[in-house]
Amino acid sequence: MDQKIKEILEKLFHSKYEHLGEREKKIALHLAEKTPISQNVARIFSEHLTLGQRIADRVTAFGGSWTFISIFGAVLFLWILLNF
């Protein structure tokens, strides 16, 4: 590992690189390589949805939209007029 990176990490963790734990070394490696440490859990979750769950999500997205509410209101109004 580059000496400058070691110096920065020692300032950050207040310890020599060799004395860091496995977790700190992993974080140090990500910092040195400038790679993200965290994961996008929303993407990971959505990749594991079943077909039924994806369909249910789309139905509820439409059912809660203003388009659906407007169409339902118009149909309800027409139904009231027909029954009047």
PDB file of N, CA and C in Angstrom:
ATOM      1  N   MET A   1       0.856  -1.174   0.000  1.00  0.00           N
ATOM      2  CA  MET A   1       0.000   0.000   0.000  1.00  0.00           C
ATOM      3  C   MET A   1       0.902   1.237   0.000  1.00  0.00           C
ATOM      4  N   ASP A   2       0.460   2.255  -0.673  1.00  0.00           N
ATOM      5  CA  ASP A   2       1.213   3.496  -0.804  1.00  0.00           C
ATOM      6  C   ASP A   2       1.446   4.134   0.569  1.00  0.00           C
ATOM      7  N   GLN A   3       2.617   4.676   0.766  1.00  0.00           N
ATOM      8  CA  GLN A   3       2.978   5.283   2.065  1.00  0.00           C
ATOM      9  C   GLN A   3       2.065   6.455   2.408  1.00  0.00           C
ATOM     10  N   LYS A   4       1.716   7.284   1.414  1.00  0.00           N
ATOM     11  CA  LYS A   4       0.842   8.435   1.667  1.00  0.00           C
ATOM     12  C   LYS A   4      -0.539   7.967   2.139  1.00  0.00           C
ATOM     13  N   ILE A   5      -1.042   6.912   1.525  1.00  0.00           N
ATOM     14  CA  ILE A   5      -2.341   6.366   1.929  1.00  0.00           C
ATOM     15  C   ILE A   5      -2.262   5.841   3.353  1.00  0.00           C
ATOM     16  N   LYS A   6      -1.165   5.159   3.692  1.00  0.00           N
ATOM     17  CA  LYS A   6      -0.989   4.661   5.067  1.00  0.00           C
ATOM     18  C   LYS A   6      -1.001   5.808   6.067  1.00  0.00           C
ATOM     19  N   GLU A   7      -0.343   6.910   5.732  1.00  0.00           N
ATOM     20  CA  GLU A   7      -0.309   8.069   6.633  1.00  0.00           C
ATOM     21  C   GLU A   7      -1.708   8.640   6.830  1.00  0.00           C
ATOM     22  N   ILE A   8      -2.451   8.752   5.752  1.00  0.00           N
ATOM     23  CA  ILE A   8      -3.820   9.282   5.852  1.00  0.00           C
ATOM     24  C   ILE A   8      -4.682   8.362   6.715  1.00  0.00           C
ATOM     25  N   LEU A   9      -4.556   7.051   6.505  1.00  0.00           N
ATOM     26  CA  LEU A   9      -5.351   6.097   7.279  1.00  0.00           C
ATOM     27  C   LEU A   9      -4.953   6.098   8.746  1.00  0.00           C
ATOM     28  N   GLU A  10      -3.668   6.251   9.033  1.00  0.00           N
ATOM     29  CA  GLU A  10      -3.220   6.302  10.424  1.00  0.00           C
ATOM     30  C   GLU A  10      -3.758   7.543  11.115  1.00  0.00           C
ATOM     31  N   LYS A  11      -3.872   8.666  10.369  1.00  0.00           N
ATOM     32  CA  LYS A  11      -4.475   9.873  10.949  1.00  0.00           C
ATOM     33  C   LYS A  11      -5.974   9.667  11.170  1.00  0.00           C
ATOM     34  N   LEU A  12      -6.597   8.986  10.230  1.00  0.00           N
ATOM     35  CA  LEU A  12      -8.042   8.766  10.317  1.00  0.00           C
ATOM     36  C   LEU A  12      -8.409   7.819  11.457  1.00  0.00           C
ATOM     37  N   PHE A  13      -7.677   6.719  11.590  1.00  0.00           N
ATOM     38  CA  PHE A  13      -7.992   5.712  12.598  1.00  0.00           C
ATOM     39  C   PHE A  13      -7.184   5.867  13.889  1.00  0.00           C
ATOM     40  N   HIS A  14      -6.244   6.800  13.932  1.00  0.00           N
ATOM     41  CA  HIS A  14      -5.404   7.041  15.118  1.00  0.00           C
ATOM     42  C   HIS A  14      -4.668   5.775  15.545  1.00  0.00           C
ATOM     43  N   SER A  15      -4.216   4.996  14.565  1.00  0.00           N
ATOM     44  CA  SER A  15      -3.504   3.760  14.851  1.00  0.00           C
ATOM     45  C   SER A  15      -2.685   3.380  13.623  1.00  0.00           C
ATOM     46  N   LYS A  16      -1.647   2.593  13.824  1.00  0.00           N
ATOM     47  CA  LYS A  16      -0.852   2.103  12.709  1.00  0.00           C
ATOM     48  C   LYS A  16      -1.688   1.125  11.887  1.00  0.00           C
ATOM     49  N   TYR A  17      -1.438   1.095  10.587  1.00  0.00           N
ATOM     50  CA  TYR A  17      -2.205   0.215   9.700  1.00  0.00           C
ATOM     51  C   TYR A  17      -2.101  -1.240  10.149  1.00  0.00           C
ATOM     52  N   GLU A  18      -0.950  -1.638  10.570  1.00  0.00           N
ATOM     53  CA  GLU A  18      -0.733  -3.022  10.979  1.00  0.00           C
ATOM     54  C   GLU A  18      -1.561  -3.402  12.203  1.00  0.00           C
ATOM     55  N   HIS A  19      -1.929  -2.414  13.035  1.00  0.00           N
ATOM     56  CA  HIS A  19      -2.689  -2.682  14.255  1.00  0.00           C
ATOM     57  C   HIS A  19      -4.199  -2.595  14.044  1.00  0.00           C
ATOM     58  N   LEU A  20      -4.622  -2.279  12.847  1.00  0.00           N
ATOM     59  CA  LEU A  20      -6.054  -2.163  12.576  1.00  0.00           C
ATOM     60  C   LEU A  20      -6.688  -3.548  12.504  1.00  0.00           C
ATOM     61  N   GLY A  21      -7.956  -3.596  12.854  1.00  0.00           N
ATOM     62  CA  GLY A  21      -8.706  -4.848  12.754  1.00  0.00           C
ATOM     63  C   GLY A  21      -9.082  -5.130  11.313  1.00  0.00           C
ATOM     64  N   GLU A  22      -9.700  -6.280  11.087  1.00  0.00           N
ATOM     65  CA  GLU A  22     -10.081  -6.672   9.728  1.00  0.00           C
ATOM     66  C   GLU A  22     -11.079  -5.688   9.120  1.00  0.00           C
ATOM     67  N   ARG A  23     -12.055  -5.251   9.911  1.00  0.00           N
ATOM     68  CA  ARG A  23     -13.059  -4.312   9.414  1.00  0.00           C
ATOM     69  C   ARG A  23     -12.419  -2.990   9.020  1.00  0.00           C
ATOM     70  N   GLU A  24     -11.527  -2.483   9.869  1.00  0.00           N
ATOM     71  CA  GLU A  24     -10.857  -1.225   9.570  1.00  0.00           C
ATOM     72  C   GLU A  24      -9.965  -1.351   8.338  1.00  0.00           C
ATOM     73  N   LYS A  25      -9.300  -2.500   8.185  1.00  0.00           N
ATOM     74  CA  LYS A  25      -8.467  -2.727   7.003  1.00  0.00           C
ATOM     75  C   LYS A  25      -9.322  -2.769   5.734  1.00  0.00           C
ATOM     76  N   LYS A  26     -10.504  -3.366   5.853  1.00  0.00           N
ATOM     77  CA  LYS A  26     -11.407  -3.418   4.705  1.00  0.00           C
ATOM     78  C   LYS A  26     -11.846  -2.004   4.322  1.00  0.00           C
ATOM     79  N   ILE A  27     -12.196  -1.203   5.323  1.00  0.00           N
ATOM     80  CA  ILE A  27     -12.585   0.187   5.074  1.00  0.00           C
ATOM     81  C   ILE A  27     -11.411   0.946   4.475  1.00  0.00           C
ATOM     82  N   ALA A  28     -10.226   0.718   5.006  1.00  0.00           N
ATOM     83  CA  ALA A  28      -9.023   1.385   4.492  1.00  0.00           C
ATOM     84  C   ALA A  28      -8.790   1.024   3.033  1.00  0.00           C
ATOM     85  N   LEU A  29      -9.003  -0.233   2.682  1.00  0.00           N
ATOM     86  CA  LEU A  29      -8.820  -0.662   1.305  1.00  0.00           C
ATOM     87  C   LEU A  29      -9.808   0.047   0.382  1.00  0.00           C
ATOM     88  N   HIS A  30     -11.058   0.142   0.813  1.00  0.00           N
ATOM     89  CA  HIS A  30     -12.068   0.836   0.015  1.00  0.00           C
ATOM     90  C   HIS A  30     -11.730   2.325  -0.117  1.00  0.00           C
ATOM     91  N   LEU A  31     -11.239   2.920   0.944  1.00  0.00           N
ATOM     92  CA  LEU A  31     -10.848   4.328   0.869  1.00  0.00           C
ATOM     93  C   LEU A  31      -9.678   4.522  -0.091  1.00  0.00           C
ATOM     94  N   ALA A  32      -8.715   3.627  -0.032  1.00  0.00           N
ATOM     95  CA  ALA A  32      -7.550   3.743  -0.902  1.00  0.00           C
ATOM     96  C   ALA A  32      -7.927   3.551  -2.369  1.00  0.00           C
ATOM     97  N   GLU A  33      -8.831   2.619  -2.632  1.00  0.00           N
ATOM     98  CA  GLU A  33      -9.242   2.345  -4.003  1.00  0.00           C
ATOM     99  C   GLU A  33     -10.382   3.242  -4.475  1.00  0.00           C
ATOM    100  N   LYS A  34     -10.935   4.031  -3.543  1.00  0.00           N
ATOM    101  CA  LYS A  34     -12.067   4.928  -3.822  1.00  0.00           C
ATOM    102  C   LYS A  34     -13.259   4.163  -4.387  1.00  0.00           C
ATOM    103  N   THR A  35     -13.571   3.036  -3.753  1.00  0.00           N
ATOM    104  CA  THR A  35     -14.735   2.243  -4.125  1.00  0.00           C
ATOM    105  C   THR A  35     -15.776   2.349  -3.015  1.00  0.00           C
ATOM    106  N   PRO A  36     -17.056   2.234  -3.358  1.00  0.00           N
ATOM    107  CA  PRO A  36     -18.089   2.344  -2.328  1.00  0.00           C
ATOM    108  C   PRO A  36     -18.069   1.163  -1.368  1.00  0.00           C
ATOM    109  N   ILE A  37     -18.401   1.442  -0.121  1.00  0.00           N
ATOM    110  CA  ILE A  37     -18.447   0.403   0.907  1.00  0.00           C
ATOM    111  C   ILE A  37     -19.860  -0.155   1.021  1.00  0.00           C
ATOM    112  N   SER A  38     -20.846   0.721   0.903  1.00  0.00           N
ATOM    113  CA  SER A  38     -22.231   0.298   1.094  1.00  0.00           C
ATOM    114  C   SER A  38     -22.799  -0.314  -0.180  1.00  0.00           C
ATOM    115  N   GLN A  39     -23.960  -0.940  -0.037  1.00  0.00           N
ATOM    116  CA  GLN A  39     -24.657  -1.545  -1.161  1.00  0.00           C
ATOM    117  C   GLN A  39     -26.018  -0.894  -1.294  1.00  0.00           C
ATOM    118  N   ASN A  40     -26.549  -0.900  -2.493  1.00  0.00           N
ATOM    119  CA  ASN A  40     -27.884  -0.372  -2.735  1.00  0.00           C
ATOM    120  C   ASN A  40     -28.892  -1.461  -2.375  1.00  0.00           C
ATOM    121  N   VAL A  41     -29.414  -1.409  -1.148  1.00  0.00           N
ATOM    122  CA  VAL A  41     -30.302  -2.474  -0.674  1.00  0.00           C
ATOM    123  C   VAL A  41     -31.638  -2.460  -1.394  1.00  0.00           C
ATOM    124  N   ALA A  42     -32.087  -1.317  -1.889  1.00  0.00           N
ATOM    125  CA  ALA A  42     -33.345  -1.262  -2.629  1.00  0.00           C
ATOM    126  C   ALA A  42     -33.224  -2.042  -3.932  1.00  0.00           C
ATOM    127  N   ARG A  43     -32.091  -1.915  -4.612  1.00  0.00           N
ATOM    128  CA  ARG A  43     -31.876  -2.649  -5.862  1.00  0.00           C
ATOM    129  C   ARG A  43     -31.776  -4.147  -5.585  1.00  0.00           C
ATOM    130  N   ILE A  44     -31.051  -4.504  -4.539  1.00  0.00           N
ATOM    131  CA  ILE A  44     -30.899  -5.920  -4.190  1.00  0.00           C
ATOM    132  C   ILE A  44     -32.254  -6.523  -3.832  1.00  0.00           C
ATOM    133  N   PHE A  45     -33.082  -5.763  -3.077  1.00  0.00           N
ATOM    134  CA  PHE A  45     -34.403  -6.246  -2.692  1.00  0.00           C
ATOM    135  C   PHE A  45     -35.291  -6.426  -3.918  1.00  0.00           C
ATOM    136  N   SER A  46     -35.267  -5.446  -4.829  1.00  0.00           N
ATOM    137  CA  SER A  46     -36.147  -5.514  -6.003  1.00  0.00           C
ATOM    138  C   SER A  46     -35.738  -6.631  -6.957  1.00  0.00           C
ATOM    139  N   GLU A  47     -34.471  -7.029  -6.944  1.00  0.00           N
ATOM    140  CA  GLU A  47     -34.036  -8.134  -7.795  1.00  0.00           C
ATOM    141  C   GLU A  47     -34.592  -9.479  -7.324  1.00  0.00           C
ATOM    142  N   HIS A  48     -34.992  -9.571  -6.058  1.00  0.00           N
ATOM    143  CA  HIS A  48     -35.463 -10.845  -5.503  1.00  0.00           C
ATOM    144  C   HIS A  48     -36.995 -10.922  -5.422  1.00  0.00           C
ATOM    145  N   LEU A  49     -37.708  -9.962  -6.009  1.00  0.00           N
ATOM    146  CA  LEU A  49     -39.164 -10.001  -5.968  1.00  0.00           C
ATOM    147  C   LEU A  49     -39.694 -11.055  -6.934  1.00  0.00           C
ATOM    148  N   THR A  50     -40.767 -11.707  -6.527  1.00  0.00           N
ATOM    149  CA  THR A  50     -41.407 -12.684  -7.405  1.00  0.00           C
ATOM    150  C   THR A  50     -42.290 -11.951  -8.411  1.00  0.00           C
ATOM    151  N   LEU A  51     -42.784 -12.684  -9.410  1.00  0.00           N
ATOM    152  CA  LEU A  51     -43.657 -12.096 -10.417  1.00  0.00           C
ATOM    153  C   LEU A  51     -44.916 -11.518  -9.765  1.00  0.00           C
ATOM    154  N   GLY A  52     -45.503 -12.255  -8.841  1.00  0.00           N
ATOM    155  CA  GLY A  52     -46.704 -11.776  -8.149  1.00  0.00           C
ATOM    156  C   GLY A  52     -46.451 -10.492  -7.369  1.00  0.00           C
ATOM    157  N   GLN A  53     -45.299 -10.386  -6.730  1.00  0.00           N
ATOM    158  CA  GLN A  53     -44.968  -9.184  -5.970  1.00  0.00           C
ATOM    159  C   GLN A  53     -44.763  -7.986  -6.894  1.00  0.00           C
ATOM    160  N   ARG A  54     -44.127  -8.217  -8.059  1.00  0.00           N
ATOM    161  CA  ARG A  54     -43.935  -7.117  -9.010  1.00  0.00           C
ATOM    162  C   ARG A  54     -45.273  -6.636  -9.573  1.00  0.00           C
ATOM    163  N   ILE A  55     -46.171  -7.580  -9.882  1.00  0.00           N
ATOM    164  CA  ILE A  55     -47.497  -7.208 -10.382  1.00  0.00           C
ATOM    165  C   ILE A  55     -48.263  -6.447  -9.310  1.00  0.00           C
ATOM    166  N   ALA A  56     -48.210  -6.915  -8.075  1.00  0.00           N
ATOM    167  CA  ALA A  56     -48.902  -6.233  -6.976  1.00  0.00           C
ATOM    168  C   ALA A  56     -48.377  -4.815  -6.792  1.00  0.00           C
ATOM    169  N   ASP A  57     -47.079  -4.617  -6.931  1.00  0.00           N
ATOM    170  CA  ASP A  57     -46.511  -3.276  -6.817  1.00  0.00           C
ATOM    171  C   ASP A  57     -47.038  -2.354  -7.910  1.00  0.00           C
ATOM    172  N   ARG A  58     -47.145  -2.878  -9.130  1.00  0.00           N
ATOM    173  CA  ARG A  58     -47.655  -2.050 -10.235  1.00  0.00           C
ATOM    174  C   ARG A  58     -49.132  -1.720 -10.058  1.00  0.00           C
ATOM    175  N   VAL A  59     -49.912  -2.705  -9.598  1.00  0.00           N
ATOM    176  CA  VAL A  59     -51.346  -2.468  -9.382  1.00  0.00           C
ATOM    177  C   VAL A  59     -51.557  -1.411  -8.301  1.00  0.00           C
ATOM    178  N   THR A  60     -50.819  -1.514  -7.203  1.00  0.00           N
ATOM    179  CA  THR A  60     -50.990  -0.531  -6.132  1.00  0.00           C
ATOM    180  C   THR A  60     -50.460   0.842  -6.537  1.00  0.00           C
ATOM    181  N   ALA A  61     -49.436   0.872  -7.392  1.00  0.00           N
ATOM    182  CA  ALA A  61     -48.938   2.169  -7.871  1.00  0.00           C
ATOM    183  C   ALA A  61     -50.009   2.865  -8.708  1.00  0.00           C
ATOM    184  N   PHE A  62     -50.722   2.089  -9.547  1.00  0.00           N
ATOM    185  CA  PHE A  62     -51.792   2.685 -10.349  1.00  0.00           C
ATOM    186  C   PHE A  62     -53.003   2.997  -9.479  1.00  0.00           C
ATOM    187  N   GLY A  63     -53.347   2.103  -8.560  1.00  0.00           N
ATOM    188  CA  GLY A  63     -54.525   2.299  -7.709  1.00  0.00           C
ATOM    189  C   GLY A  63     -54.421   3.512  -6.807  1.00  0.00           C
ATOM    190  N   GLY A  64     -53.236   3.963  -6.516  1.00  0.00           N
ATOM    191  CA  GLY A  64     -53.060   5.143  -5.674  1.00  0.00           C
ATOM    192  C   GLY A  64     -52.739   6.400  -6.451  1.00  0.00           C
ATOM    193  N   SER A  65     -52.833   6.326  -7.780  1.00  0.00           N
ATOM    194  CA  SER A  65     -52.477   7.492  -8.603  1.00  0.00           C
ATOM    195  C   SER A  65     -53.682   8.403  -8.808  1.00  0.00           C
ATOM    196  N   TRP A  66     -53.398   9.634  -9.167  1.00  0.00           N
ATOM    197  CA  TRP A  66     -54.471  10.594  -9.430  1.00  0.00           C
ATOM    198  C   TRP A  66     -55.243  10.201 -10.681  1.00  0.00           C
ATOM    199  N   THR A  67     -54.600   9.534 -11.612  1.00  0.00           N
ATOM    200  CA  THR A  67     -55.290   9.063 -12.813  1.00  0.00           C
ATOM    201  C   THR A  67     -56.406   8.099 -12.423  1.00  0.00           C
ATOM    202  N   PHE A  68     -56.086   7.126 -11.576  1.00  0.00           N
ATOM    203  CA  PHE A  68     -57.098   6.160 -11.138  1.00  0.00           C
ATOM    204  C   PHE A  68     -58.205   6.847 -10.345  1.00  0.00           C
ATOM    205  N   ILE A  69     -57.832   7.733  -9.455  1.00  0.00           N
ATOM    206  CA  ILE A  69     -58.836   8.428  -8.633  1.00  0.00           C
ATOM    207  C   ILE A  69     -59.772   9.246  -9.514  1.00  0.00           C
ATOM    208  N   SER A  70     -59.226   9.906 -10.540  1.00  0.00           N
ATOM    209  CA  SER A  70     -60.057  10.702 -11.460  1.00  0.00           C
ATOM    210  C   SER A  70     -60.993   9.809 -12.267  1.00  0.00           C
ATOM    211  N   ILE A  71     -60.469   8.717 -12.815  1.00  0.00           N
ATOM    212  CA  ILE A  71     -61.306   7.794 -13.590  1.00  0.00           C
ATOM    213  C   ILE A  71     -62.396   7.198 -12.706  1.00  0.00           C
ATOM    214  N   PHE A  72     -62.037   6.781 -11.501  1.00  0.00           N
ATOM    215  CA  PHE A  72     -63.017   6.199 -10.583  1.00  0.00           C
ATOM    216  C   PHE A  72     -64.079   7.223 -10.218  1.00  0.00           C
ATOM    217  N   GLY A  73     -63.683   8.460  -9.992  1.00  0.00           N
ATOM    218  CA  GLY A  73     -64.653   9.511  -9.680  1.00  0.00           C
ATOM    219  C   GLY A  73     -65.609   9.749 -10.835  1.00  0.00           C
ATOM    220  N   ALA A  74     -65.096   9.751 -12.061  1.00  0.00           N
ATOM    221  CA  ALA A  74     -65.955   9.961 -13.227  1.00  0.00           C
ATOM    222  C   ALA A  74     -66.924   8.800 -13.402  1.00  0.00           C
ATOM    223  N   VAL A  75     -66.435   7.578 -13.251  1.00  0.00           N
ATOM    224  CA  VAL A  75     -67.308   6.402 -13.361  1.00  0.00           C
ATOM    225  C   VAL A  75     -68.361   6.422 -12.260  1.00  0.00           C
ATOM    226  N   LEU A  76     -67.972   6.773 -11.059  1.00  0.00           N
ATOM    227  CA  LEU A  76     -68.923   6.843  -9.956  1.00  0.00           C
ATOM    228  C   LEU A  76     -69.983   7.909 -10.221  1.00  0.00           C
ATOM    229  N   PHE A  77     -69.573   9.047 -10.761  1.00  0.00           N
ATOM    230  CA  PHE A  77     -70.514  10.129 -11.081  1.00  0.00           C
ATOM    231  C   PHE A  77     -71.490   9.673 -12.161  1.00  0.00           C
ATOM    232  N   LEU A  78     -70.976   8.987 -13.211  1.00  0.00           N
ATOM    233  CA  LEU A  78     -71.861   8.467 -14.257  1.00  0.00           C
ATOM    234  C   LEU A  78     -72.826   7.429 -13.696  1.00  0.00           C
ATOM    235  N   TRP A  79     -72.381   6.594 -12.788  1.00  0.00           N
ATOM    236  CA  TRP A  79     -73.233   5.579 -12.166  1.00  0.00           C
ATOM    237  C   TRP A  79     -74.353   6.241 -11.363  1.00  0.00           C
ATOM    238  N   ILE A  80     -74.011   7.305 -10.678  1.00  0.00           N
ATOM    239  CA  ILE A  80     -75.034   8.038  -9.908  1.00  0.00           C
ATOM    240  C   ILE A  80     -76.053   8.644 -10.852  1.00  0.00           C
ATOM    241  N   LEU A  81     -75.577   9.224 -11.985  1.00  0.00           N
ATOM    242  CA  LEU A  81     -76.508   9.818 -12.952  1.00  0.00           C
ATOM    243  C   LEU A  81     -77.425   8.761 -13.567  1.00  0.00           C
ATOM    244  N   LEU A  82     -76.862   7.597 -13.889  1.00  0.00           N
ATOM    245  CA  LEU A  82     -77.689   6.530 -14.466  1.00  0.00           C
ATOM    246  C   LEU A  82     -78.752   6.019 -13.483  1.00  0.00           C
ATOM    247  N   ASN A  83     -78.413   6.009 -12.218  1.00  0.00           N
ATOM    248  CA  ASN A  83     -79.346   5.513 -11.215  1.00  0.00           C
ATOM    249  C   ASN A  83     -80.323   6.604 -10.726  1.00  0.00           C
ATOM    250  N   PHE A  84     -80.097   7.809 -11.104  1.00  0.00           N
ATOM    251  CA  PHE A  84     -80.951   8.898 -10.678  1.00  0.00           C
ATOM    252  C   PHE A  84     -82.219   8.848 -11.488  1.00  0.00           C
TER     253      PHE A  84
END
